[in-house]
Amino acid sequence: MSGITYPVQVKQIPKFENQNDISINVLGYENDEFFPIYISQHKGKKHEVDLLYLTKEGDAHYCYIKHLNRLLSRTKNSGRAYKFCRYCLRGFTSQRVLEKHLRYCSKHDAQHVEFPIKGSGEDIVEFDDYSKQMRVPFVIYCDFEAFACSLDTCYPNPNQPSSTATTNYEACGYGYQVVCEVEQYSKPPVIYRRPNACKRLLENLFEEEKYIKHVLDKIEPLQMTPEDEHKFRESTNCHICRKSFEQSSIKVRDHSHISGKYRGSAHNSCNLNFQHPDYIPVYFHNLRRFDSHLLMQGVGIFKGKKINCIPNNMERYVSFSLGSLRFVDSYQCLPSSLSNLVDDLAKEDSKHFKALIKEFPANEQRSLLLRKGVYPYSYMDKKRRKIFHEMSTSKRCFLQ
């Protein structure tokens, strides 16, 4: 008991445990509830003691708990036998489940788990961020092509482990397309096959950013057909939150600010919060591993643009933003490989590929494109740029 004063305070219990082959756990009791005050971190000691710490009018007293599970089972109002976790005082009917729980709970400090009271309104969690349901009106789809340029380097020392860079990929071209939910604002694909591809792509994207903002700044007036008016009068639920209209609710007509078309009846508050996202998604397939490295070569030129990123590590980014352009890796959003997904959709019907049908109406060409693209990476290098450019502009050559 060296260095321990009487009456013993809870903060002195660890010192007592260090001097004796005993581990001590202390519980409190207030407002008809038990809660952990101190749970010993000393495992495997010869004796384990549970104490109940009671206070009244400034006085405190320790009571010995002979059987913890029996004491805490009184809180369950059930005839079943429970086994309790000392760290959170949660009860389990199985020793196996308790041991599985302890593997995680024992890594944390003592805590009391408190659940919302049934019927209080806090016991139900529901989705209420309805603005997130708003479809992004514009999306830009991009892709780079690159040359594999060989690097002149020294031979590594065979007696020492090392990494040697042998190839540098340099962007030689790109393609992108702006797609809008309203067809008239979508644009045809843009293809570029010349030097400075990274810089030119970013310049193009910043111009598209201005175009999209200009379209979104214009608000088309509501266009209601007699059928739309009938649906509005008969509607009893908000099409945004799906909840019914109360007698005091203000029911309004929600419409697309781009097309002017009626979307449905809505609560006034839901309609006001149902706004377009303030970003424009720019999708690259495999952005995280490949295309982001090419893009970063051109980002430094545009010094006035603020860049934000979500890094995976120092070299790979989950996503990054330049102004209102948000670059995203489509590979991270898909449930399978691009090749498998294209094959599955192509088996159903080529009608799923609306943009492809518009650009390539001939079935023969389209059947070649309804698969993962083929590109001769190992053949194309810096020395063959001229040949590549001549091939790509030749009418006799149909490139994917």
Protein backbone atom coordinates (compact mmCIF):
# COMPACT_ATOMS: atom_id res chain seq x y z
CA MET A 1 0.00 0.00 0.00
CA SER A 2 3.04 2.25 -0.37
CA GLY A 3 2.17 5.79 -1.50
CA ILE A 4 -1.61 5.20 -1.22
CA THR A 5 -3.66 7.45 1.07
CA TYR A 6 -6.99 6.82 2.77
CA PRO A 7 -9.76 7.08 1.80
CA VAL A 8 -8.53 5.56 -1.49
CA GLN A 9 -9.48 7.61 -4.55
CA VAL A 10 -10.27 5.97 -7.88
CA LYS A 11 -7.19 7.56 -9.46
CA GLN A 12 -4.98 5.68 -6.94
CA ILE A 13 -6.29 2.24 -7.93
CA PRO A 14 -3.69 1.71 -10.75
CA LYS A 15 -0.90 2.27 -8.19
CA PHE A 16 -2.50 -0.34 -5.90
CA GLU A 17 -2.70 -2.83 -8.80
CA ASN A 18 0.97 -2.37 -9.60
CA GLN A 19 1.88 -3.33 -6.01
CA ASN A 20 -0.48 -6.30 -5.68
CA ASP A 21 -1.56 -9.35 -7.67
CA ILE A 22 -5.11 -7.97 -7.91
CA SER A 23 -7.03 -6.24 -10.70
CA ILE A 24 -9.90 -3.93 -9.72
CA ASN A 25 -12.92 -2.71 -11.68
CA VAL A 26 -15.15 0.10 -10.37
CA LEU A 27 -18.76 0.75 -11.40
CA GLY A 28 -20.99 3.70 -10.55
CA TYR A 29 -24.76 3.92 -10.09
CA GLU A 30 -26.94 6.97 -10.71
CA ASN A 31 -30.52 7.52 -11.91
CA ASP A 32 -31.21 3.77 -11.84
CA GLU A 33 -28.31 3.06 -14.21
CA PHE A 34 -24.92 1.39 -13.81
CA PHE A 35 -21.90 2.80 -15.62
CA PRO A 36 -18.15 1.99 -15.66
CA ILE A 37 -15.84 4.34 -13.74
CA TYR A 38 -12.58 2.42 -13.88
CA ILE A 39 -11.80 -0.83 -15.70
CA SER A 40 -8.46 -2.48 -15.01
CA GLN A 41 -5.96 -2.91 -17.84
CA HIS A 42 -4.14 -5.64 -15.89
CA LYS A 43 -5.14 -8.97 -17.41
CA GLY A 44 -4.37 -12.39 -15.97
CA LYS A 45 -3.84 -11.38 -12.34
CA LYS A 46 -4.57 -13.95 -9.64
CA HIS A 47 -7.59 -12.06 -8.25
CA GLU A 48 -10.15 -9.86 -10.03
CA VAL A 49 -12.41 -7.68 -7.85
CA ASP A 50 -15.49 -5.69 -8.90
CA LEU A 51 -16.52 -2.72 -6.73
CA LEU A 52 -19.58 -0.48 -6.76
CA TYR A 53 -18.79 3.17 -5.97
CA LEU A 54 -21.75 4.92 -4.31
CA THR A 55 -22.00 8.59 -3.34
CA LYS A 56 -24.57 10.43 -1.21
CA GLU A 57 -24.45 14.01 0.06
CA GLY A 58 -20.70 14.28 -0.44
CA ASP A 59 -19.88 10.90 1.14
CA ALA A 60 -18.58 7.98 -0.95
CA HIS A 61 -18.37 4.27 -0.27
CA TYR A 62 -17.05 1.16 -2.07
CA CYS A 63 -19.29 -1.94 -2.06
CA TYR A 64 -18.02 -5.39 -3.03
CA ILE A 65 -19.83 -6.93 -6.00
CA LYS A 66 -20.00 -10.65 -5.38
CA HIS A 67 -21.55 -11.55 -8.78
CA LEU A 68 -21.42 -8.90 -11.50
CA ASN A 69 -23.65 -10.69 -14.01
CA ARG A 70 -26.43 -11.19 -11.46
CA LEU A 71 -26.30 -7.53 -10.42
CA LEU A 72 -26.49 -6.19 -13.96
CA SER A 73 -29.11 -8.74 -15.07
CA ARG A 74 -31.62 -6.87 -12.90
CA THR A 75 -31.56 -4.06 -15.50
CA LYS A 76 -32.79 -6.38 -18.25
CA ASN A 77 -36.23 -7.21 -16.81
CA SER A 78 -35.89 -10.66 -18.33
CA GLY A 79 -35.63 -14.16 -16.96
CA ARG A 80 -32.68 -14.96 -19.24
CA ALA A 81 -29.12 -15.21 -17.96
CA TYR A 82 -26.81 -12.53 -19.33
CA LYS A 83 -23.03 -12.22 -19.43
CA PHE A 84 -21.86 -8.61 -19.33
CA CYS A 85 -18.91 -6.76 -20.82
CA ARG A 86 -17.11 -4.76 -18.12
CA TYR A 87 -16.03 -2.10 -20.62
CA CYS A 88 -19.46 -1.01 -21.87
CA LEU A 89 -21.84 -3.03 -19.62
CA ARG A 90 -23.60 -4.52 -22.61
CA GLY A 91 -25.22 -7.89 -21.95
CA PHE A 92 -24.93 -11.06 -24.07
CA THR A 93 -26.71 -14.40 -23.76
CA SER A 94 -23.74 -16.35 -25.13
CA GLN A 95 -20.17 -16.59 -23.80
CA ARG A 96 -18.90 -17.02 -27.37
CA VAL A 97 -20.53 -13.77 -28.51
CA LEU A 98 -19.19 -11.96 -25.43
CA GLU A 99 -15.62 -13.10 -26.14
CA LYS A 100 -15.91 -11.99 -29.75
CA HIS A 101 -17.19 -8.59 -28.56
CA LEU A 102 -14.39 -8.23 -25.99
CA ARG A 103 -11.70 -8.51 -28.71
CA TYR A 104 -12.78 -5.07 -29.95
CA CYS A 105 -14.34 -3.40 -26.89
CA SER A 106 -11.35 -4.10 -24.64
CA LYS A 107 -9.16 -1.91 -26.87
CA HIS A 108 -11.11 1.18 -25.75
CA ASP A 109 -11.49 2.93 -22.43
CA ALA A 110 -14.47 2.19 -20.22
CA GLN A 111 -17.64 3.57 -21.75
CA HIS A 112 -21.37 3.41 -21.28
CA VAL A 113 -23.57 2.65 -24.28
CA GLU A 114 -26.76 4.69 -24.23
CA PHE A 115 -29.52 4.17 -26.79
CA PRO A 116 -32.27 6.68 -27.65
CA ILE A 117 -35.56 6.25 -25.81
CA LYS A 118 -38.23 4.55 -27.91
CA GLY A 119 -40.80 7.04 -29.16
CA SER A 120 -38.61 10.07 -28.39
CA GLY A 121 -38.07 10.86 -32.06
CA GLU A 122 -34.32 10.27 -31.70
CA ASP A 123 -34.73 6.49 -32.02
CA ILE A 124 -35.30 6.68 -35.79
CA VAL A 125 -32.54 7.57 -38.23
CA GLU A 126 -33.67 8.51 -41.71
CA PHE A 127 -32.24 10.11 -44.81
CA ASP A 128 -33.00 13.84 -44.97
CA ASP A 129 -30.25 15.34 -47.16
CA TYR A 130 -32.57 15.46 -50.17
CA SER A 131 -30.37 17.83 -52.15
CA LYS A 132 -28.00 14.90 -52.72
CA GLN A 133 -30.72 13.30 -54.86
CA MET A 134 -30.36 16.03 -57.48
CA ARG A 135 -28.86 14.55 -60.61
CA VAL A 136 -25.63 16.22 -61.78
CA PRO A 137 -26.73 18.06 -64.96
CA PHE A 138 -23.35 17.97 -66.74
CA VAL A 139 -20.64 15.29 -66.87
CA ILE A 140 -17.38 15.30 -68.84
CA TYR A 141 -15.83 11.98 -69.92
CA CYS A 142 -12.12 12.04 -70.83
CA ASP A 143 -9.30 9.76 -71.86
CA PHE A 144 -5.60 10.18 -72.62
CA GLU A 145 -3.40 8.23 -75.02
CA ALA A 146 0.34 8.16 -74.46
CA PHE A 147 3.63 7.21 -76.07
CA ALA A 148 5.98 4.85 -74.27
CA CYS A 149 9.30 6.72 -74.54
CA SER A 150 12.44 4.73 -73.73
CA LEU A 151 14.85 6.32 -71.27
CA ASP A 152 18.62 6.21 -71.75
CA THR A 153 20.05 5.10 -68.45
CA CYS A 154 23.01 3.30 -66.94
CA TYR A 155 22.93 -0.42 -66.26
CA PRO A 156 22.23 -1.08 -62.57
CA ASN A 157 24.84 -2.68 -60.34
CA PRO A 158 23.92 -6.41 -60.25
CA ASN A 159 25.39 -6.69 -56.75
CA GLN A 160 23.03 -4.11 -55.24
CA PRO A 161 19.21 -4.05 -55.17
CA SER A 162 17.85 -1.09 -57.09
CA SER A 163 14.98 0.20 -59.23
CA THR A 164 15.72 1.53 -62.70
CA ALA A 165 13.32 3.68 -64.72
CA THR A 166 13.30 2.41 -68.31
CA THR A 167 10.17 4.01 -69.78
CA ASN A 168 8.44 7.38 -69.56
CA TYR A 169 4.82 7.75 -70.73
CA GLU A 170 4.14 11.02 -72.49
CA ALA A 171 0.62 12.14 -73.46
CA CYS A 172 0.24 12.32 -77.22
CA GLY A 173 -3.48 12.93 -77.49
CA TYR A 174 -6.82 12.93 -75.75
CA GLY A 175 -10.54 12.77 -76.29
CA TYR A 176 -13.42 14.10 -74.22
CA GLN A 177 -17.15 14.66 -74.45
CA VAL A 178 -19.50 16.95 -72.53
CA VAL A 179 -22.79 15.21 -71.74
CA CYS A 180 -25.86 17.00 -70.39
CA GLU A 181 -29.14 15.59 -69.09
CA VAL A 182 -30.80 17.90 -71.64
CA GLU A 183 -29.66 16.68 -75.06
CA GLN A 184 -29.47 20.09 -76.72
CA TYR A 185 -26.63 21.16 -74.39
CA SER A 186 -24.49 18.05 -74.93
CA LYS A 187 -21.50 18.44 -77.22
CA PRO A 188 -19.87 16.15 -79.79
CA PRO A 189 -16.57 14.44 -78.86
CA VAL A 190 -13.38 16.49 -79.07
CA ILE A 191 -10.25 14.66 -80.31
CA TYR A 192 -6.71 16.07 -80.15
CA ARG A 193 -3.55 14.33 -81.48
CA ARG A 194 -0.62 16.72 -81.16
CA PRO A 195 2.09 17.81 -78.69
CA ASN A 196 1.32 19.51 -75.33
CA ALA A 197 -1.74 17.32 -74.85
CA CYS A 198 -1.92 17.82 -71.06
CA LYS A 199 -1.85 21.62 -71.29
CA ARG A 200 -4.36 21.70 -74.16
CA LEU A 201 -6.79 19.37 -72.39
CA LEU A 202 -6.85 21.53 -69.27
CA GLU A 203 -7.36 24.65 -71.40
CA ASN A 204 -10.29 22.93 -73.13
CA LEU A 205 -11.80 21.81 -69.82
CA PHE A 206 -11.61 25.33 -68.36
CA GLU A 207 -13.46 26.60 -71.45
CA GLU A 208 -16.10 23.89 -71.00
CA GLU A 209 -16.38 24.94 -67.34
CA LYS A 210 -17.32 28.46 -68.46
CA TYR A 211 -19.82 27.07 -70.98
CA ILE A 212 -21.51 24.88 -68.35
CA LYS A 213 -21.72 27.71 -65.81
CA HIS A 214 -23.28 29.93 -68.49
CA VAL A 215 -25.96 27.28 -69.17
CA LEU A 216 -26.67 26.76 -65.47
CA ASP A 217 -26.93 30.50 -64.81
CA LYS A 218 -29.89 30.70 -67.21
CA ILE A 219 -33.16 29.61 -65.60
CA GLU A 220 -35.78 28.35 -68.02
CA PRO A 221 -39.36 29.26 -67.02
CA LEU A 222 -41.74 26.50 -65.96
CA GLN A 223 -43.51 24.73 -68.83
CA MET A 224 -46.72 23.02 -67.65
CA THR A 225 -48.89 20.85 -69.88
CA PRO A 226 -52.57 20.18 -69.00
CA GLU A 227 -51.51 16.67 -67.93
CA ASP A 228 -48.79 18.13 -65.64
CA GLU A 229 -51.34 20.48 -64.08
CA HIS A 230 -53.71 17.58 -63.42
CA LYS A 231 -50.91 15.55 -61.77
CA PHE A 232 -50.00 18.53 -59.59
CA ARG A 233 -53.57 19.01 -58.35
CA GLU A 234 -54.02 15.30 -57.59
CA SER A 235 -50.64 14.72 -55.92
CA THR A 236 -50.60 14.00 -52.20
CA ASN A 237 -46.85 13.39 -51.70
CA CYS A 238 -43.74 15.47 -52.28
CA HIS A 239 -41.69 13.91 -55.10
CA ILE A 240 -38.44 14.96 -53.35
CA CYS A 241 -38.86 13.72 -49.76
CA ARG A 242 -41.75 11.29 -50.51
CA LYS A 243 -43.65 12.55 -47.48
CA SER A 244 -47.33 13.52 -47.65
CA PHE A 245 -48.53 17.11 -47.74
CA GLU A 246 -49.97 18.30 -44.44
CA GLN A 247 -52.82 20.80 -44.27
CA SER A 248 -50.35 23.54 -43.40
CA SER A 249 -47.88 22.56 -46.16
CA ILE A 250 -47.16 24.89 -49.05
CA LYS A 251 -47.27 22.79 -52.23
CA VAL A 252 -45.25 24.14 -55.17
CA ARG A 253 -44.37 23.08 -58.71
CA ASP A 254 -40.77 21.84 -59.03
CA HIS A 255 -39.20 22.06 -62.47
CA SER A 256 -35.84 21.67 -64.22
CA HIS A 257 -34.08 25.03 -64.52
CA ILE A 258 -32.30 23.76 -67.64
CA SER A 259 -35.19 22.36 -69.70
CA GLY A 260 -38.12 24.08 -67.96
CA LYS A 261 -39.99 20.75 -67.71
CA TYR A 262 -42.19 20.01 -64.71
CA ARG A 263 -40.68 17.38 -62.38
CA GLY A 264 -43.36 17.05 -59.71
CA SER A 265 -45.09 18.64 -56.74
CA ALA A 266 -42.95 19.43 -53.70
CA HIS A 267 -42.91 21.07 -50.30
CA ASN A 268 -41.73 24.66 -50.60
CA SER A 269 -38.77 23.97 -48.27
CA CYS A 270 -37.77 20.84 -50.24
CA ASN A 271 -37.93 22.76 -53.50
CA LEU A 272 -35.75 25.60 -52.21
CA ASN A 273 -33.05 23.15 -51.02
CA PHE A 274 -33.15 21.02 -54.18
CA GLN A 275 -30.23 22.72 -55.94
CA HIS A 276 -27.69 21.64 -58.54
CA PRO A 277 -24.31 20.48 -57.14
CA ASP A 278 -21.62 23.16 -57.29
CA TYR A 279 -19.11 20.92 -59.08
CA ILE A 280 -18.70 19.34 -62.53
CA PRO A 281 -17.56 15.68 -62.54
CA VAL A 282 -14.74 14.88 -64.97
CA TYR A 283 -14.35 11.12 -65.34
CA PHE A 284 -11.19 9.30 -66.38
CA HIS A 285 -11.02 5.53 -66.33
CA ASN A 286 -8.06 4.57 -64.11
CA LEU A 287 -7.38 8.20 -63.16
CA ARG A 288 -5.84 7.17 -59.82
CA ARG A 289 -3.11 5.00 -61.34
CA PHE A 290 -2.36 6.60 -64.71
CA ASP A 291 -4.14 9.69 -66.04
CA SER A 292 -3.66 11.77 -62.87
CA HIS A 293 0.13 11.60 -63.37
CA LEU A 294 -0.25 13.02 -66.88
CA LEU A 295 -2.66 15.74 -65.74
CA MET A 296 -0.32 16.90 -63.00
CA GLN A 297 2.28 17.68 -65.67
CA GLY A 298 0.01 20.46 -66.92
CA VAL A 299 -1.55 21.65 -63.67
CA GLY A 300 1.50 23.69 -62.64
CA ILE A 301 1.09 25.98 -65.64
CA PHE A 302 -2.27 27.29 -64.35
CA LYS A 303 -1.08 29.02 -61.19
CA GLY A 304 -4.34 30.87 -60.50
CA LYS A 305 -6.32 27.66 -60.04
CA LYS A 306 -6.74 26.31 -56.52
CA ILE A 307 -6.30 22.56 -56.30
CA ASN A 308 -7.85 20.31 -53.64
CA CYS A 309 -7.35 16.58 -53.47
CA ILE A 310 -8.30 13.44 -51.58
CA PRO A 311 -5.01 11.49 -51.54
CA ASN A 312 -4.68 7.74 -51.38
CA ASN A 313 -0.96 8.21 -50.78
CA MET A 314 1.79 10.58 -51.92
CA GLU A 315 1.53 9.38 -55.54
CA ARG A 316 -2.12 8.43 -56.04
CA TYR A 317 -5.26 10.52 -55.61
CA VAL A 318 -8.79 9.24 -55.12
CA SER A 319 -10.08 12.53 -56.51
CA PHE A 320 -8.92 16.12 -56.98
CA SER A 321 -10.53 19.41 -57.97
CA LEU A 322 -9.49 22.40 -60.04
CA GLY A 323 -11.99 25.20 -59.59
CA SER A 324 -15.42 23.58 -60.02
CA LEU A 325 -13.97 20.67 -62.05
CA ARG A 326 -13.86 17.52 -59.93
CA PHE A 327 -11.68 14.76 -61.42
CA VAL A 328 -12.91 11.29 -60.54
CA ASP A 329 -11.74 7.76 -61.37
CA SER A 330 -14.65 5.88 -62.96
CA TYR A 331 -12.85 2.59 -62.23
CA GLN A 332 -13.45 3.21 -58.50
CA CYS A 333 -17.20 3.64 -59.11
CA LEU A 334 -17.84 0.51 -61.18
CA PRO A 335 -18.64 -2.98 -59.83
CA SER A 336 -16.50 -4.80 -62.42
CA SER A 337 -13.91 -4.23 -65.13
CA LEU A 338 -14.79 -2.00 -68.06
CA SER A 339 -14.46 -4.94 -70.45
CA ASN A 340 -16.95 -7.08 -68.50
CA LEU A 341 -19.46 -4.25 -68.12
CA VAL A 342 -19.38 -3.37 -71.82
CA ASP A 343 -19.80 -7.05 -72.76
CA ASP A 344 -22.81 -7.42 -70.46
CA LEU A 345 -24.56 -4.32 -71.79
CA ALA A 346 -23.77 -5.19 -75.41
CA LYS A 347 -25.42 -8.59 -74.95
CA GLU A 348 -28.65 -6.93 -73.83
CA ASP A 349 -28.94 -4.21 -76.46
CA SER A 350 -26.71 -1.57 -78.01
CA LYS A 351 -29.41 1.06 -77.19
CA HIS A 352 -27.59 1.59 -73.88
CA PHE A 353 -24.77 3.31 -75.81
CA LYS A 354 -26.65 6.41 -76.98
CA ALA A 355 -23.59 8.62 -77.50
CA LEU A 356 -21.82 5.87 -79.45
CA ILE A 357 -24.83 5.30 -81.72
CA LYS A 358 -25.00 9.02 -82.46
CA GLU A 359 -21.33 9.18 -83.52
CA PHE A 360 -21.21 5.79 -85.24
CA PRO A 361 -24.63 4.96 -86.74
CA ALA A 362 -23.19 2.13 -88.90
CA ASN A 363 -23.57 -1.27 -87.18
CA GLU A 364 -20.26 -2.55 -88.55
CA GLN A 365 -18.23 0.23 -86.94
CA ARG A 366 -20.24 0.16 -83.74
CA SER A 367 -19.76 -3.59 -83.24
CA LEU A 368 -15.99 -3.05 -83.20
CA LEU A 369 -16.31 -0.30 -80.61
CA LEU A 370 -18.59 -2.26 -78.28
CA ARG A 371 -15.63 -3.75 -76.45
CA LYS A 372 -12.65 -2.52 -74.48
CA GLY A 373 -10.42 -0.41 -76.71
CA VAL A 374 -7.21 -1.83 -78.20
CA TYR A 375 -4.09 0.32 -78.31
CA PRO A 376 -0.54 -0.74 -79.37
CA TYR A 377 1.30 0.69 -76.35
CA SER A 378 4.51 -1.31 -76.92
CA TYR A 379 4.66 -0.31 -80.60
CA MET A 380 3.88 3.38 -80.28
CA ASP A 381 6.91 5.39 -79.16
CA LYS A 382 8.22 8.88 -79.74
CA LYS A 383 9.99 7.92 -82.97
CA ARG A 384 6.75 6.80 -84.58
CA ARG A 385 4.67 9.92 -83.84
CA LYS A 386 4.63 10.99 -87.47
CA ILE A 387 3.49 7.54 -88.59
CA PHE A 388 0.77 7.53 -85.91
CA HIS A 389 -0.53 10.94 -87.01
CA GLU A 390 -0.67 9.87 -90.67
CA MET A 391 -2.46 6.64 -89.77
CA SER A 392 -5.00 8.36 -87.52
CA THR A 393 -5.99 10.88 -90.22
CA SER A 394 -6.12 8.34 -93.05
CA LYS A 395 -9.55 7.40 -94.39
CA ARG A 396 -8.28 3.86 -94.96
CA CYS A 397 -7.62 3.33 -91.25
CA PHE A 398 -10.36 2.87 -88.66
CA LEU A 399 -8.81 3.32 -85.21
CA GLN A 400 -10.51 2.43 -81.91
